[in-house]
Amino acid sequence: MNLDEELRDTFRFRAASAPDGGTLLIAVRDRSHRADVRRRWFAVVAGLIAVATTVTVAAVRPFAAPAPQPPTTPGPTPTPTPSLPPGTVPIVLAAANISLPAFPFTPGWVPAGLGRRWTGMVGPETRLGYGYGGPKRLSLAVDTVPYDYDWESSGQTIAQIGKYSATVRRATTDSGGPLFGVSWRIDDGRWLTVQSFEIPLADTLRFARELQPQPLPASGLPFTLALAPQGFVLSFVDLYGLCLAPPTWSLPRRSSPGLCVSVSDSDSPYLPNLDTPVLVAGLTGFLRRDSAGLHLDLGLAGGRLLTVVTSTGEGDDRVFISDADLERFVEGVTAS
């Protein structure tokens, strides 16, 4: 899996563990009825994902909340929660105050035809990319440790990036085009890694050589938040969404723990065969909240999808958001 696919999939997983959300589930019904409901909701996607899991079938009522109104933002508002397993951090919502990090370098030149720029982070690693999800794309990662490539190299050479010697890895993409990875360490100990897909080596090296050590403003997100977990910090950002985690958690480079929210260009839920139809803050979609965690997909205007996910940290670390606060959190998401 390449870097872009890894980022795109981040919001498609569900959490490894969280308490049951029994207040959302009523009137247990038979499996055939639930299948009929799903076919009426998402006939196109109902059979696309096969999951070898047996679940209890249930119908769901809408959240018991008034018509959507602008969220109130004064101080934190704790909500009573059930008994939680050890290592679980209950989410307390407060007014959102999130600053997306700037990227530490500014490109002096970018190959033509790559599409829009995006900036992000995964734990301590910051990222810049162009051509997200397309066949022709380029990315730059900056970290304090060498980059952990997720593809096998067919050969290596050395290239000069300014005064630094860089290792150049090469391979081929799935379509047979060139794939390059260029890594070097600068004076302050940070590692820079450029990866290019379907781009000539000469253009990849030129991009690397013309980087400037000047901050590049964050590219922004397709939504704003009125509410966020009090005291949580950013653990993940890409062009679709972000994750927020307790400040005491270790932030890994290959996952995104905490409470995650994204707005993507898809109107189909990722897990229709196991999720339960719900109405949240006036939006229809599917919810999974059980011993395996929380995953909520809601349809937005314009064929887009709002996704809220809880993700585990290391060991037994997990977060929990109550039904009432999940409703309030969703009400505070404004897609742009």
Protein backbone atom coordinates (compact mmCIF):
# COMPACT_ATOMS: atom_id res chain seq x y z
CA MET A 1 0.00 0.00 0.00
CA ASN A 2 1.44 3.40 -0.92
CA LEU A 3 1.33 6.56 1.19
CA ASP A 4 -1.79 8.03 -0.39
CA GLU A 5 -3.75 4.78 -0.10
CA GLU A 6 -2.71 4.49 3.54
CA LEU A 7 -3.98 7.99 4.31
CA ARG A 8 -7.20 7.49 2.32
CA ASP A 9 -7.93 4.30 4.27
CA THR A 10 -7.36 5.88 7.68
CA PHE A 11 -11.01 6.81 8.12
CA ARG A 12 -12.24 3.45 6.81
CA PHE A 13 -11.26 1.42 9.84
CA ARG A 14 -13.31 0.98 12.97
CA ALA A 15 -11.97 1.06 16.49
CA ALA A 16 -10.66 -2.01 18.24
CA SER A 17 -12.69 -1.57 21.42
CA ALA A 18 -15.29 0.67 23.09
CA PRO A 19 -18.35 0.24 25.36
CA ASP A 20 -21.75 -0.69 23.96
CA GLY A 21 -24.05 2.12 22.86
CA GLY A 22 -27.21 0.44 23.98
CA THR A 23 -29.24 3.64 24.15
CA LEU A 24 -29.24 3.78 20.36
CA LEU A 25 -30.63 0.30 19.84
CA ILE A 26 -34.29 -0.64 20.29
CA ALA A 27 -36.80 -3.20 19.09
CA VAL A 28 -34.66 -6.15 18.07
CA ARG A 29 -35.94 -7.50 14.77
CA ASP A 30 -35.19 -10.29 12.41
CA ARG A 31 -32.29 -10.30 9.94
CA SER A 32 -34.45 -10.18 6.82
CA HIS A 33 -36.19 -6.99 7.93
CA ARG A 34 -32.85 -5.29 8.49
CA ALA A 35 -31.64 -6.38 5.09
CA ASP A 36 -34.77 -4.86 3.53
CA VAL A 37 -34.09 -1.57 5.30
CA ARG A 38 -30.54 -1.48 3.97
CA ARG A 39 -31.63 -2.21 0.42
CA ARG A 40 -33.99 0.73 0.53
CA TRP A 41 -31.23 3.01 1.87
CA PHE A 42 -28.21 2.02 -0.17
CA ALA A 43 -29.26 -0.42 -2.90
CA VAL A 44 -26.12 0.22 -4.91
CA VAL A 45 -23.63 -0.51 -2.13
CA ALA A 46 -25.45 -3.10 -0.03
CA GLY A 47 -23.53 -6.06 -1.45
CA LEU A 48 -20.12 -4.53 -2.13
CA ILE A 49 -18.41 -5.42 1.15
CA ALA A 50 -18.47 -8.99 2.45
CA VAL A 51 -17.58 -9.36 6.11
CA ALA A 52 -17.33 -12.72 7.79
CA THR A 53 -18.88 -11.64 11.08
CA THR A 54 -22.14 -12.56 12.84
CA VAL A 55 -23.91 -9.63 14.51
CA THR A 56 -27.18 -9.03 16.32
CA VAL A 57 -29.73 -7.38 14.06
CA ALA A 58 -31.52 -4.30 15.38
CA ALA A 59 -33.65 -1.39 14.27
CA VAL A 60 -32.74 2.10 15.42
CA ARG A 61 -34.71 5.15 16.37
CA PRO A 62 -33.54 8.68 15.63
CA PHE A 63 -31.44 10.33 18.33
CA ALA A 64 -33.72 11.89 20.91
CA ALA A 65 -32.69 15.49 20.26
CA PRO A 66 -34.44 18.70 19.18
CA ALA A 67 -34.22 20.07 15.64
CA PRO A 68 -30.61 20.99 14.74
CA GLN A 69 -29.60 24.40 16.09
CA PRO A 70 -26.25 26.21 16.33
CA PRO A 71 -24.22 24.38 19.00
CA THR A 72 -23.65 26.08 22.30
CA THR A 73 -19.98 26.56 23.01
CA PRO A 74 -19.55 27.72 26.62
CA GLY A 75 -17.22 25.55 28.76
CA PRO A 76 -16.97 21.79 28.91
CA THR A 77 -20.18 19.81 29.31
CA PRO A 78 -19.57 16.38 30.83
CA THR A 79 -22.19 13.74 30.10
CA PRO A 80 -22.78 10.78 32.44
CA THR A 81 -21.15 7.67 31.02
CA PRO A 82 -21.48 3.98 31.85
CA SER A 83 -18.78 2.10 33.68
CA LEU A 84 -15.78 2.16 31.35
CA PRO A 85 -12.98 -0.39 30.97
CA PRO A 86 -9.52 0.51 32.30
CA GLY A 87 -7.58 2.74 29.93
CA THR A 88 -10.71 4.40 28.53
CA VAL A 89 -10.78 8.20 28.36
CA PRO A 90 -14.32 9.67 28.36
CA ILE A 91 -14.67 12.57 25.93
CA VAL A 92 -15.79 15.90 27.37
CA LEU A 93 -16.76 18.39 24.67
CA ALA A 94 -15.73 22.04 24.77
CA ALA A 95 -15.42 24.87 22.26
CA ALA A 96 -13.05 23.79 19.48
CA ASN A 97 -9.69 25.56 19.35
CA ILE A 98 -7.68 23.67 16.74
CA SER A 99 -4.70 25.08 14.86
CA LEU A 100 -3.50 23.01 11.92
CA PRO A 101 0.31 22.86 11.78
CA ALA A 102 2.27 24.57 9.03
CA PHE A 103 4.56 22.40 6.92
CA PRO A 104 8.25 23.19 7.65
CA PHE A 105 9.39 23.49 4.00
CA THR A 106 8.13 25.34 0.93
CA PRO A 107 8.66 23.90 -2.56
CA GLY A 108 10.49 26.16 -4.97
CA TRP A 109 9.26 24.13 -7.94
CA VAL A 110 6.55 21.50 -8.48
CA PRO A 111 6.05 19.25 -11.54
CA ALA A 112 3.08 20.24 -13.68
CA GLY A 113 -0.21 18.36 -13.70
CA LEU A 114 -0.26 17.03 -10.12
CA GLY A 115 -3.48 18.56 -8.83
CA ARG A 116 -4.03 20.43 -5.61
CA ARG A 117 -1.62 20.59 -2.71
CA TRP A 118 -2.38 19.18 0.74
CA THR A 119 -0.52 19.22 4.07
CA GLY A 120 -0.92 16.88 7.02
CA MET A 121 0.63 14.87 9.80
CA VAL A 122 0.69 11.38 11.27
CA GLY A 123 1.91 11.57 14.86
CA PRO A 124 5.35 13.27 14.84
CA GLU A 125 5.68 13.06 11.06
CA THR A 126 4.56 16.02 8.91
CA ARG A 127 3.55 15.51 5.28
CA LEU A 128 3.08 17.49 2.09
CA GLY A 129 1.55 16.03 -1.04
CA TYR A 130 0.24 16.66 -4.53
CA GLY A 131 -2.12 14.55 -6.62
CA TYR A 132 -3.85 12.79 -3.71
CA GLY A 133 -5.28 9.46 -4.89
CA GLY A 134 -4.29 9.92 -8.53
CA PRO A 135 -1.82 7.85 -10.55
CA LYS A 136 0.63 10.77 -10.84
CA ARG A 137 1.51 12.10 -7.41
CA LEU A 138 4.31 13.32 -5.19
CA SER A 139 4.79 13.57 -1.44
CA LEU A 140 7.32 14.82 1.10
CA ALA A 141 7.64 13.53 4.67
CA VAL A 142 9.67 15.23 7.42
CA ASP A 143 10.51 13.38 10.62
CA THR A 144 13.21 12.84 13.23
CA VAL A 145 13.75 9.21 12.18
CA PRO A 146 14.40 7.58 8.79
CA TYR A 147 11.28 7.00 6.70
CA ASP A 148 9.75 3.51 6.91
CA TYR A 149 9.00 2.65 3.27
CA ASP A 150 6.06 0.34 2.60
CA TRP A 151 7.25 -0.83 -0.82
CA GLU A 152 10.17 -2.98 -1.93
CA SER A 153 13.05 -1.36 -3.78
CA SER A 154 14.45 -2.92 -6.94
CA GLY A 155 17.66 -0.93 -6.63
CA GLN A 156 19.38 2.04 -4.99
CA THR A 157 21.70 4.86 -6.06
CA ILE A 158 23.10 8.03 -4.49
CA ALA A 159 22.16 11.57 -5.56
CA GLN A 160 23.26 14.97 -4.34
CA ILE A 161 20.60 17.24 -2.76
CA GLY A 162 22.48 20.46 -2.13
CA LYS A 163 25.32 19.57 0.22
CA TYR A 164 23.61 16.34 1.31
CA SER A 165 23.97 12.82 -0.10
CA ALA A 166 20.57 11.20 -0.58
CA THR A 167 19.63 7.57 -1.08
CA VAL A 168 17.46 7.05 -4.15
CA ARG A 169 15.24 3.96 -4.17
CA ARG A 170 13.47 2.86 -7.32
CA ALA A 171 10.67 0.46 -8.22
CA THR A 172 7.64 0.37 -10.51
CA THR A 173 4.02 1.27 -9.84
CA ASP A 174 1.14 -1.15 -10.38
CA SER A 175 0.70 0.28 -13.87
CA GLY A 176 4.38 -0.18 -14.69
CA GLY A 177 5.42 3.47 -14.29
CA PRO A 178 8.40 4.78 -12.30
CA LEU A 179 8.33 4.88 -8.52
CA PHE A 180 11.09 6.71 -6.62
CA GLY A 181 11.95 7.40 -3.00
CA VAL A 182 14.63 9.96 -2.13
CA SER A 183 15.75 10.24 1.52
CA TRP A 184 18.38 12.44 3.16
CA ARG A 185 19.24 13.84 6.60
CA ILE A 186 19.79 17.55 7.17
CA ASP A 187 22.01 19.30 9.75
CA ASP A 188 19.42 19.52 12.54
CA GLY A 189 18.90 15.73 12.44
CA ARG A 190 15.58 15.67 10.59
CA TRP A 191 15.00 13.23 7.73
CA LEU A 192 13.34 14.33 4.50
CA THR A 193 11.81 11.79 2.13
CA VAL A 194 10.34 12.54 -1.29
CA GLN A 195 8.24 9.86 -2.99
CA SER A 196 7.04 10.16 -6.58
CA PHE A 197 4.66 8.02 -8.64
CA GLU A 198 4.61 8.15 -12.44
CA ILE A 199 7.06 11.10 -12.35
CA PRO A 200 10.56 11.07 -13.95
CA LEU A 201 13.55 10.92 -11.63
CA ALA A 202 14.87 14.25 -12.96
CA ASP A 203 11.65 16.00 -11.86
CA THR A 204 11.67 14.21 -8.51
CA LEU A 205 15.24 15.35 -7.79
CA ARG A 206 14.52 18.90 -8.94
CA PHE A 207 11.60 19.10 -6.51
CA ALA A 208 13.88 17.89 -3.69
CA ARG A 209 16.73 20.26 -4.57
CA GLU A 210 14.55 23.36 -4.73
CA LEU A 211 12.90 22.95 -1.32
CA GLN A 212 13.17 26.05 0.86
CA PRO A 213 13.38 25.95 4.69
CA GLN A 214 10.37 28.25 5.06
CA PRO A 215 7.03 27.33 6.70
CA LEU A 216 4.18 26.54 4.32
CA PRO A 217 0.66 27.33 5.67
CA ALA A 218 -1.65 24.36 6.28
CA SER A 219 -3.92 23.56 3.35
CA GLY A 220 -7.07 23.47 5.49
CA LEU A 221 -9.94 20.99 5.82
CA PRO A 222 -13.33 20.60 4.09
CA PHE A 223 -15.15 21.38 7.35
CA THR A 224 -14.98 23.29 10.62
CA LEU A 225 -15.69 22.10 14.15
CA ALA A 226 -17.64 24.03 16.78
CA LEU A 227 -16.90 21.43 19.47
CA ALA A 228 -13.95 19.15 20.17
CA PRO A 229 -12.73 16.88 22.98
CA GLN A 230 -11.39 19.10 25.74
CA GLY A 231 -7.61 18.93 26.09
CA PHE A 232 -7.05 16.53 23.17
CA VAL A 233 -4.24 17.11 20.67
CA LEU A 234 -3.91 16.47 16.94
CA SER A 235 -2.76 12.94 16.12
CA PHE A 236 -3.54 12.91 12.39
CA VAL A 237 -4.40 15.38 9.60
CA ASP A 238 -4.88 14.95 5.85
CA LEU A 239 -6.96 16.76 3.25
CA TYR A 240 -10.16 14.93 4.30
CA GLY A 241 -10.05 15.07 8.08
CA LEU A 242 -8.29 14.89 11.41
CA CYS A 243 -7.96 12.85 14.59
CA LEU A 244 -7.70 14.14 18.17
CA ALA A 245 -6.15 12.10 21.00
CA PRO A 246 -5.54 12.49 24.73
CA PRO A 247 -2.27 14.39 25.32
CA THR A 248 -0.78 11.53 27.36
CA TRP A 249 -1.05 9.02 24.51
CA SER A 250 1.92 8.00 22.42
CA LEU A 251 1.28 9.11 18.83
CA PRO A 252 2.38 6.47 16.29
CA ARG A 253 3.49 7.16 12.72
CA ARG A 254 1.32 4.54 11.02
CA SER A 255 -2.08 5.02 12.64
CA SER A 256 -4.37 7.74 13.92
CA PRO A 257 -5.67 7.19 17.47
CA GLY A 258 -8.45 9.07 19.23
CA LEU A 259 -11.63 10.64 17.86
CA CYS A 260 -11.47 11.05 14.07
CA VAL A 261 -13.74 13.04 11.75
CA SER A 262 -13.62 13.44 7.97
CA VAL A 263 -15.67 14.73 5.04
CA SER A 264 -14.98 12.81 1.83
CA ASP A 265 -16.31 12.79 -1.73
CA SER A 266 -18.42 9.66 -1.34
CA ASP A 267 -22.08 9.20 -0.51
CA SER A 268 -21.79 5.48 0.28
CA PRO A 269 -21.02 4.11 3.76
CA TYR A 270 -17.91 1.97 4.10
CA LEU A 271 -19.51 -0.80 6.15
CA PRO A 272 -23.18 -1.08 5.10
CA ASN A 273 -23.51 -4.79 5.77
CA LEU A 274 -22.94 -4.46 9.49
CA ASP A 275 -24.04 -0.92 10.36
CA THR A 276 -27.43 0.17 11.67
CA PRO A 277 -29.54 2.89 9.98
CA VAL A 278 -29.66 6.05 12.12
CA LEU A 279 -30.72 9.68 12.06
CA VAL A 280 -28.14 11.97 13.71
CA ALA A 281 -28.52 15.76 13.84
CA GLY A 282 -30.96 15.52 10.94
CA LEU A 283 -28.58 13.47 8.78
CA THR A 284 -29.26 9.89 7.71
CA GLY A 285 -26.58 7.22 7.63
CA PHE A 286 -25.22 4.12 9.35
CA LEU A 287 -23.76 3.61 12.81
CA ARG A 288 -21.75 0.83 14.41
CA ARG A 289 -21.23 1.12 18.14
CA ASP A 290 -20.53 -2.12 19.92
CA SER A 291 -17.69 -3.89 21.69
CA ALA A 292 -15.59 -3.33 18.57
CA GLY A 293 -15.93 0.46 18.69
CA LEU A 294 -17.69 3.33 16.97
CA HIS A 295 -17.98 4.08 13.24
CA LEU A 296 -20.58 6.58 12.00
CA ASP A 297 -21.21 7.45 8.32
CA LEU A 298 -23.70 10.22 7.48
CA GLY A 299 -24.75 11.45 4.05
CA LEU A 300 -24.23 15.15 3.29
CA ALA A 301 -25.58 17.36 0.53
CA GLY A 302 -23.65 17.20 -2.72
CA GLY A 303 -22.93 13.48 -2.49
CA ARG A 304 -20.39 13.73 0.32
CA LEU A 305 -19.92 11.59 3.41
CA LEU A 306 -19.32 12.68 7.01
CA THR A 307 -17.49 10.00 9.00
CA VAL A 308 -16.81 9.89 12.75
CA VAL A 309 -14.62 7.10 14.12
CA THR A 310 -13.02 6.21 17.43
CA SER A 311 -9.60 4.59 17.21
CA THR A 312 -7.57 2.84 19.90
CA GLY A 313 -4.13 3.90 21.03
CA GLU A 314 -1.43 1.64 22.39
CA GLY A 315 -2.46 -1.32 24.54
CA ASP A 316 -5.87 -0.77 26.14
CA ASP A 317 -5.98 2.98 25.46
CA ARG A 318 -9.30 4.04 23.97
CA VAL A 319 -11.77 6.93 24.01
CA PHE A 320 -15.52 6.97 24.59
CA ILE A 321 -18.13 9.51 23.51
CA SER A 322 -21.71 9.27 24.74
CA ASP A 323 -24.73 9.25 22.44
CA ALA A 324 -25.75 12.75 23.50
CA ASP A 325 -22.27 14.17 22.93
CA LEU A 326 -21.94 12.37 19.61
CA GLU A 327 -25.12 14.17 18.52
CA ARG A 328 -23.77 17.52 19.70
CA PHE A 329 -20.40 16.91 18.06
CA VAL A 330 -22.03 16.15 14.69
CA GLU A 331 -24.26 19.23 14.99
CA GLY A 332 -21.08 21.30 15.31
CA VAL A 333 -19.52 19.99 12.06
CA THR A 334 -19.98 22.48 9.20
CA ALA A 335 -18.93 21.20 5.79
CA SER A 336 -17.38 23.78 3.47
